[in-house]
Each structure stands twice: as structure tokens, then as C-alpha cells.
Amino acid sequence: MIDVHGVMWLSYPHYYLFSGLATLAALACLYFMLTRLQRARWIEDTPTSRVRSAAQGLVELNGMLDAGGHEPLLSPLGKKPCLWYRFRVEEHRGRSDRDNQWRTVEQGVSERPFLLRDPTGACWINPLGAQVHPKYRRRWEGTQRWPATASVSKGLLGSLLRKRYRYTEEWFLAEEPLYAIGWFESRGGGREAVDLNAISRQVISNWKADYPSLLARFDHNGDGKIDMQEWERVRRAANQTAEQQASIAGQAPVVHALSKPARRGLPFVLSDHHQDDLSRRLRHSSWWSLLGLVSSSLLACWLWLA
């Protein structure tokens, strides 16, 4: 047992365990404080762009949620029509109803893209890897691992079956405002650099795969092979085909997309909260993390000094 500075009730293993946990809690609070504060600064300092005139790279957009022609998704727990969802199923592991111990047994998030529309155009949002702050959130309890819509536990039934589950579900709805900051890219409309030589080589490779047709088209002397002069005709024809394909690709409509930046440290945030409200929530969360940092740091210092 340790008898220093009032911690005599701790054995040495427990002393090091609690000291380590307090230190880890302080580091976790520091991480959450800095990441949320940084996220709020990104939101406040990045100017809002329009889809049509947005530059390639890190961009902030404001618009409306749209399914982009797709049928709405159904959230797996509550069966709500939506454009994006995130869910978690937790099982009660406590020894009594008052013992608040829950373990996550199922969780997931949708990955299907959806549209952000503003007055100037539309941008596809790929939500994979995004930090999402949804406005709509529901939590309830039941007695099945995968609940039906009506299978909400009510008192006696839940206690008789002895299994308690807690469900949490969040979602985006169509025609709701959407704030997004992430990596913006545009494809089509002649924006991409075209390598005509590479396209020409691919065309010749495709023709070689059907050699009898290649002979029928270019073997003018009928000797059953392509000589040097005939290969020159093949190259000229392939170059013409490559130019036609590049011209068709250049006439394709421009498609805009927003996704997670490849470089670490850059934000990818989606929310149906107003931009100012989202920034305020992140700053409040950062202040709570600061409070946790101070408390856990004082506890850790007191334990280690003891």
C-alpha cells in the first residue's frame, strides 16, 4: 500500500493504473480540444465559394441537399428515408438497470454520394471519411439487436427478456441546408489535359486484340500481314480516332465533386447546421475538452508527484 500525501488506500498496481489513466485522459482531452478548435477556425476563416466558380482544391460550399436522381436511402434502424445515415447499436452489460455500462455491438455509416445544390450549380459529395455533424439524431432502447420500427422496449417487457439494447441514429434529409468544406475537383468540359499519344496507343492495342479485323481493314496487298507502309496507315488512323475521342470527351458536361483531401491535416466537414451554429458548437466542445484537460492534468500531476 502507498502512504504518501493521502493516497494510502492505493496499492502500487492501482496507483500506476490510475496515474496512467489520468495521463491518457489528459492527452485525449488535449487532442479533442485542439482538433475541434482547429476545425472551428477552418470553418470561420475559409471564404464561401459558389459551385460554378469554385477553385480546384480546398473549398467551402453552402447549398441544399439533393438525392441527385437516386431513390432515398432507408436508415437501418428507424427505416427513415434519408440521403445519409450513421447508426450505433449498444448492448447493456451492467448488472442492474442502474449500472450504466454499454458495449457497441453494431455500427455503420452510409457511403453513397449525394448532391449539394446552390444557385450556380451542383456538386457531388462523397461522404467517405467526412467529419459529419448532423442536426437530426434519435436515441431509444429496445429488446432486439436489430429493431423494427415499433419494437421499442416498454418497462416490463424489456425486463422480462433481460436483453437491453440502445440505438442511436443520425441522418441527413433532402431539401435541407448543407454546409461542406473539403477537396473540390471538376471533371469534363475539356478541363483535363489530354495525352493524344497515349489514347492513340490504346486504340492500336484494341485493334490488335482483333487481328483479323485489323488485317481486313489495312492489309491492302493481301499478303496476310501488316508491312511498314500499312503500319503507317494504322498509326494515322489511330491518331484520327484519338482526336475524335478527345473531342467527344471535351464536350462532356462538367461534373464537380467534393471529397476528403488527400493531404492530412486538411478538413472535410459536412453539416446541416448553419455555419455559425456549427462553429459555435465546435468551440463549446473545445472549451469542455479544455476543462477536462485541466481536471485530468491536475489529477495526473497529483498522482505522479505522490
Protein backbone atom coordinates (compact mmCIF):
# COMPACT_ATOMS: atom_id res chain seq x y z
CA MET A 1 0.00 0.00 0.00
CA ILE A 2 1.08 3.61 -0.62
CA ASP A 3 1.03 6.01 2.34
CA VAL A 4 2.08 9.28 0.72
CA HIS A 5 0.06 12.51 0.58
CA GLY A 6 -3.23 10.89 1.39
CA VAL A 7 -3.23 8.08 -1.22
CA MET A 8 -2.61 5.26 1.28
CA TRP A 9 -5.70 3.44 0.01
CA LEU A 10 -3.97 2.68 -3.32
CA SER A 11 -1.84 -0.38 -3.89
CA TYR A 12 1.15 0.00 -6.20
CA PRO A 13 -0.56 -1.64 -9.24
CA HIS A 14 -3.65 0.51 -8.73
CA TYR A 15 -1.52 3.60 -8.23
CA TYR A 16 0.23 3.16 -11.58
CA LEU A 17 -3.02 2.19 -13.28
CA PHE A 18 -4.87 5.31 -12.12
CA SER A 19 -1.87 7.53 -12.84
CA GLY A 20 -1.63 6.15 -16.38
CA LEU A 21 -5.37 6.52 -16.97
CA ALA A 22 -5.33 10.12 -15.78
CA THR A 23 -2.40 10.88 -18.09
CA LEU A 24 -4.16 9.25 -21.05
CA ALA A 25 -7.33 11.21 -20.26
CA ALA A 26 -5.34 14.45 -20.25
CA LEU A 27 -3.77 13.62 -23.63
CA ALA A 28 -7.16 12.69 -25.09
CA CYS A 29 -8.71 15.96 -23.88
CA LEU A 30 -5.79 17.89 -25.36
CA TYR A 31 -6.29 16.16 -28.71
CA PHE A 32 -10.04 16.80 -28.79
CA MET A 33 -9.57 20.41 -27.74
CA LEU A 34 -7.02 21.16 -30.47
CA THR A 35 -8.85 19.30 -33.26
CA ARG A 36 -12.21 20.95 -32.53
CA LEU A 37 -10.65 24.38 -32.21
CA GLN A 38 -8.78 23.89 -35.48
CA ARG A 39 -11.99 22.72 -37.18
CA ALA A 40 -13.83 25.81 -35.95
CA ARG A 41 -11.03 28.06 -37.26
CA TRP A 42 -11.19 26.40 -40.69
CA ILE A 43 -14.94 26.99 -40.83
CA GLU A 44 -14.65 30.62 -39.74
CA ASP A 45 -11.66 31.59 -41.91
CA THR A 46 -12.40 29.82 -45.22
CA PRO A 47 -14.41 32.02 -47.63
CA THR A 48 -17.59 30.50 -49.08
CA SER A 49 -17.45 29.69 -52.82
CA ARG A 50 -20.09 29.09 -55.47
CA VAL A 51 -20.08 25.73 -57.22
CA ARG A 52 -19.71 27.19 -60.72
CA SER A 53 -16.76 29.45 -59.88
CA ALA A 54 -15.06 27.41 -57.13
CA ALA A 55 -11.32 26.93 -57.48
CA GLN A 56 -9.78 23.48 -57.53
CA GLY A 57 -8.60 22.49 -54.07
CA LEU A 58 -9.85 23.22 -50.55
CA VAL A 59 -13.29 24.86 -50.84
CA GLU A 60 -16.20 25.81 -48.58
CA LEU A 61 -19.72 25.42 -50.02
CA ASN A 62 -23.23 26.20 -48.82
CA GLY A 63 -26.31 24.78 -50.54
CA MET A 64 -29.22 22.37 -50.31
CA LEU A 65 -29.18 18.58 -50.03
CA ASP A 66 -30.36 16.69 -53.10
CA ALA A 67 -30.56 12.97 -53.93
CA GLY A 68 -29.23 13.54 -57.44
CA GLY A 69 -31.87 11.36 -59.06
CA HIS A 70 -31.43 8.42 -56.68
CA GLU A 71 -34.14 6.92 -54.53
CA PRO A 72 -33.77 7.89 -50.84
CA LEU A 73 -31.84 5.60 -48.55
CA LEU A 74 -33.58 3.89 -45.63
CA SER A 75 -31.81 4.16 -42.30
CA PRO A 76 -31.16 0.61 -40.98
CA LEU A 77 -32.65 1.11 -37.50
CA GLY A 78 -35.55 3.54 -37.80
CA LYS A 79 -36.28 2.96 -41.53
CA LYS A 80 -36.28 6.71 -42.20
CA PRO A 81 -35.94 7.95 -45.81
CA CYS A 82 -32.75 9.98 -45.94
CA LEU A 83 -29.67 10.85 -48.03
CA TRP A 84 -27.07 9.86 -45.42
CA TYR A 85 -27.17 8.00 -42.10
CA ARG A 86 -24.95 6.85 -39.25
CA PHE A 87 -26.05 4.35 -36.60
CA ARG A 88 -24.84 2.54 -33.50
CA VAL A 89 -26.31 -0.36 -31.53
CA GLU A 90 -25.18 -0.85 -27.93
CA GLU A 91 -25.90 -3.77 -25.61
CA HIS A 92 -26.40 -3.24 -21.88
CA ARG A 93 -23.72 -5.13 -19.93
CA GLY A 94 -24.39 -3.80 -16.44
CA ARG A 95 -25.50 -5.99 -13.56
CA SER A 96 -28.57 -3.85 -12.94
CA ASP A 97 -30.65 -1.21 -14.70
CA ARG A 98 -28.78 1.48 -12.79
CA ASP A 99 -25.41 0.13 -13.87
CA ASN A 100 -24.82 2.27 -16.95
CA GLN A 101 -22.45 0.00 -18.90
CA TRP A 102 -22.99 -0.29 -22.65
CA ARG A 103 -20.92 -2.05 -25.31
CA THR A 104 -21.18 -1.25 -29.03
CA VAL A 105 -22.19 -4.37 -30.97
CA GLU A 106 -23.18 -2.86 -34.35
CA GLN A 107 -22.33 0.40 -36.09
CA GLY A 108 -22.14 1.77 -39.59
CA VAL A 109 -22.38 4.76 -41.90
CA SER A 110 -23.69 5.17 -45.44
CA GLU A 111 -21.20 5.87 -48.23
CA ARG A 112 -23.48 6.71 -51.19
CA PRO A 113 -22.76 10.15 -52.68
CA PHE A 114 -25.40 12.87 -52.74
CA LEU A 115 -25.66 16.36 -54.23
CA LEU A 116 -25.15 19.83 -52.86
CA ARG A 117 -27.01 22.40 -54.97
CA ASP A 118 -26.58 26.15 -54.90
CA PRO A 119 -27.95 28.81 -57.29
CA THR A 120 -25.00 28.32 -59.67
CA GLY A 121 -24.79 24.53 -59.96
CA ALA A 122 -24.49 21.14 -58.27
CA CYS A 123 -21.61 19.28 -56.64
CA TRP A 124 -21.43 15.59 -55.77
CA ILE A 125 -20.47 14.95 -52.15
CA ASN A 126 -18.57 11.74 -51.39
CA PRO A 127 -19.11 11.40 -47.60
CA LEU A 128 -16.48 8.69 -47.08
CA GLY A 129 -14.09 9.87 -44.37
CA ALA A 130 -16.01 13.06 -43.54
CA GLN A 131 -16.45 14.53 -40.06
CA VAL A 132 -20.25 14.79 -40.08
CA HIS A 133 -22.28 16.94 -37.68
CA PRO A 134 -25.95 16.14 -38.37
CA LYS A 135 -28.91 18.03 -36.98
CA TYR A 136 -31.26 15.05 -36.84
CA ARG A 137 -30.46 12.49 -34.15
CA ARG A 138 -32.54 9.91 -32.31
CA ARG A 139 -31.76 7.59 -29.39
CA TRP A 140 -34.07 4.93 -27.98
CA GLU A 141 -33.98 1.50 -26.37
CA GLY A 142 -35.36 -1.89 -27.28
CA THR A 143 -35.03 -5.64 -26.76
CA GLN A 144 -33.80 -6.72 -30.20
CA ARG A 145 -30.35 -6.34 -31.70
CA TRP A 146 -31.87 -5.06 -34.97
CA PRO A 147 -35.09 -3.26 -34.06
CA ALA A 148 -38.22 -2.98 -36.12
CA THR A 149 -39.78 0.48 -36.12
CA ALA A 150 -42.28 -0.45 -33.41
CA SER A 151 -40.01 -2.62 -31.24
CA VAL A 152 -39.30 -0.03 -28.56
CA SER A 153 -38.91 -1.52 -25.10
CA LYS A 154 -41.58 -0.59 -22.59
CA GLY A 155 -40.85 -1.33 -18.93
CA LEU A 156 -41.90 -4.88 -18.06
CA LEU A 157 -41.25 -6.43 -21.49
CA GLY A 158 -37.64 -5.29 -21.53
CA SER A 159 -37.01 -6.53 -18.01
CA LEU A 160 -38.58 -9.96 -18.70
CA LEU A 161 -36.42 -10.54 -21.78
CA ARG A 162 -33.34 -9.38 -19.84
CA LYS A 163 -31.70 -8.04 -23.00
CA ARG A 164 -31.49 -4.29 -23.39
CA TYR A 165 -30.22 -2.51 -26.46
CA ARG A 166 -29.71 1.18 -27.06
CA TYR A 167 -29.99 2.55 -30.58
CA THR A 168 -28.53 5.81 -31.89
CA GLU A 169 -29.23 7.05 -35.39
CA GLU A 170 -28.32 10.26 -37.24
CA TRP A 171 -29.28 11.33 -40.75
CA PHE A 172 -29.46 14.00 -43.48
CA LEU A 173 -32.79 14.83 -45.15
CA ALA A 174 -33.35 16.04 -48.72
CA GLU A 175 -34.06 19.74 -49.26
CA GLU A 176 -32.25 20.67 -46.04
CA PRO A 177 -29.33 23.15 -45.92
CA LEU A 178 -25.85 21.64 -46.17
CA TYR A 179 -22.52 23.16 -45.18
CA ALA A 180 -19.44 21.46 -46.62
CA ILE A 181 -15.72 22.07 -46.60
CA GLY A 182 -13.37 19.67 -48.39
CA TRP A 183 -11.37 19.00 -51.55
CA PHE A 184 -13.12 20.25 -54.69
CA GLU A 185 -12.42 18.80 -58.15
CA SER A 186 -14.08 19.24 -61.55
CA ARG A 187 -14.07 16.71 -64.38
CA GLY A 188 -15.17 17.02 -68.00
CA GLY A 189 -15.73 20.06 -70.17
CA GLY A 190 -12.19 19.91 -71.55
CA ARG A 191 -10.62 20.62 -68.15
CA GLU A 192 -8.29 17.62 -68.10
CA ALA A 193 -5.05 17.55 -70.06
CA VAL A 194 -5.32 15.07 -72.93
CA ASP A 195 -2.45 12.79 -73.97
CA LEU A 196 -3.26 12.06 -77.61
CA ASN A 197 -0.27 9.70 -77.95
CA ALA A 198 -1.49 7.58 -75.04
CA ILE A 199 -5.00 7.44 -76.49
CA SER A 200 -3.60 6.51 -79.91
CA ARG A 201 -1.53 3.68 -78.40
CA GLN A 202 -4.62 2.37 -76.60
CA VAL A 203 -6.61 2.45 -79.86
CA ILE A 204 -3.91 0.42 -81.67
CA SER A 205 -3.78 -2.04 -78.77
CA ASN A 206 -7.55 -2.53 -79.03
CA TRP A 207 -7.30 -3.09 -82.77
CA LYS A 208 -4.52 -5.64 -82.31
CA ALA A 209 -6.76 -7.63 -79.98
CA ASP A 210 -8.99 -8.30 -83.05
CA TYR A 211 -6.19 -9.01 -85.55
CA PRO A 212 -8.37 -10.50 -88.32
CA SER A 213 -10.39 -7.27 -88.46
CA LEU A 214 -7.14 -5.26 -88.47
CA LEU A 215 -5.90 -7.26 -91.47
CA ALA A 216 -9.20 -6.90 -93.31
CA ARG A 217 -9.04 -3.14 -92.85
CA PHE A 218 -5.36 -2.34 -93.53
CA ASP A 219 -3.80 -5.30 -95.43
CA HIS A 220 -4.25 -3.75 -98.87
CA ASN A 221 -1.82 -6.10 -100.73
CA GLY A 222 -3.47 -9.20 -99.25
CA ASP A 223 -0.25 -10.90 -98.08
CA GLY A 224 -1.73 -11.74 -94.65
CA LYS A 225 0.45 -9.34 -92.65
CA ILE A 226 0.84 -5.64 -91.95
CA ASP A 227 4.01 -4.22 -93.59
CA MET A 228 5.71 -0.91 -92.77
CA GLN A 229 3.58 1.19 -95.12
CA GLU A 230 0.39 -0.39 -93.80
CA TRP A 231 1.51 0.19 -90.18
CA GLU A 232 1.93 3.87 -91.05
CA ARG A 233 -1.70 3.91 -92.22
CA VAL A 234 -2.69 2.19 -88.95
CA ARG A 235 -0.92 4.93 -86.95
CA ARG A 236 -2.57 7.74 -88.93
CA ALA A 237 -6.00 6.16 -88.49
CA ALA A 238 -5.36 5.67 -84.75
CA ASN A 239 -4.32 9.32 -84.39
CA GLN A 240 -7.55 10.44 -86.09
CA THR A 241 -9.59 8.19 -83.78
CA ALA A 242 -7.73 9.56 -80.74
CA GLU A 243 -8.52 13.14 -81.77
CA GLN A 244 -12.20 12.27 -82.20
CA GLN A 245 -12.34 10.62 -78.77
CA ALA A 246 -10.62 13.61 -77.16
CA SER A 247 -13.06 15.98 -78.85
CA ILE A 248 -16.06 13.97 -77.59
CA ALA A 249 -14.60 13.86 -74.05
CA GLY A 250 -14.08 17.63 -74.14
CA GLN A 251 -17.76 18.15 -74.90
CA ALA A 252 -18.89 16.14 -71.87
CA PRO A 253 -20.63 18.19 -69.17
CA VAL A 254 -18.58 19.37 -66.22
CA VAL A 255 -19.03 17.27 -63.06
CA HIS A 256 -18.00 18.77 -59.71
CA ALA A 257 -17.16 16.62 -56.67
CA LEU A 258 -16.17 17.27 -53.06
CA SER A 259 -14.32 14.60 -51.08
CA LYS A 260 -11.75 14.03 -48.36
CA PRO A 261 -8.42 15.80 -49.03
CA ALA A 262 -5.52 13.51 -49.74
CA ARG A 263 -3.20 15.57 -47.53
CA ARG A 264 -3.52 15.00 -43.81
CA GLY A 265 -4.47 17.97 -41.67
CA LEU A 266 -6.94 19.49 -44.13
CA PRO A 267 -10.61 19.46 -43.07
CA PHE A 268 -13.51 17.53 -44.55
CA VAL A 269 -16.63 18.58 -42.66
CA LEU A 270 -20.32 18.12 -43.53
CA SER A 271 -23.22 19.52 -41.52
CA ASP A 272 -26.86 20.53 -41.92
CA HIS A 273 -26.39 23.05 -39.10
CA HIS A 274 -25.91 26.68 -40.05
CA GLN A 275 -22.25 27.55 -40.46
CA ASP A 276 -22.19 29.93 -37.46
CA ASP A 277 -24.06 27.43 -35.30
CA LEU A 278 -21.62 24.67 -36.24
CA SER A 279 -18.62 26.84 -35.40
CA ARG A 280 -20.16 27.77 -32.05
CA ARG A 281 -20.82 24.10 -31.22
CA LEU A 282 -17.24 23.16 -32.03
CA ARG A 283 -15.88 25.96 -29.84
CA HIS A 284 -18.14 24.91 -26.96
CA SER A 285 -16.89 21.34 -27.36
CA SER A 286 -13.33 22.67 -27.34
CA TRP A 287 -13.97 24.52 -24.06
CA TRP A 288 -15.39 21.37 -22.45
CA SER A 289 -12.29 19.50 -23.61
CA LEU A 290 -10.15 22.23 -22.06
CA LEU A 291 -12.00 21.79 -18.76
CA GLY A 292 -11.40 18.04 -18.95
CA LEU A 293 -7.73 18.68 -19.76
CA VAL A 294 -7.24 20.88 -16.70
CA SER A 295 -9.03 18.43 -14.40
CA SER A 296 -7.26 15.30 -15.64
CA SER A 297 -3.88 17.07 -15.76
CA LEU A 298 -4.21 18.18 -12.12
CA LEU A 299 -5.20 14.66 -11.10
CA ALA A 300 -2.34 13.10 -13.07
CA CYS A 301 0.21 15.55 -11.61
CA TRP A 302 -1.05 14.93 -8.09
CA LEU A 303 -0.81 11.15 -8.53
CA TRP A 304 2.63 11.17 -10.14
CA LEU A 305 4.03 13.58 -7.57
CA ALA A 306 2.60 11.42 -4.80
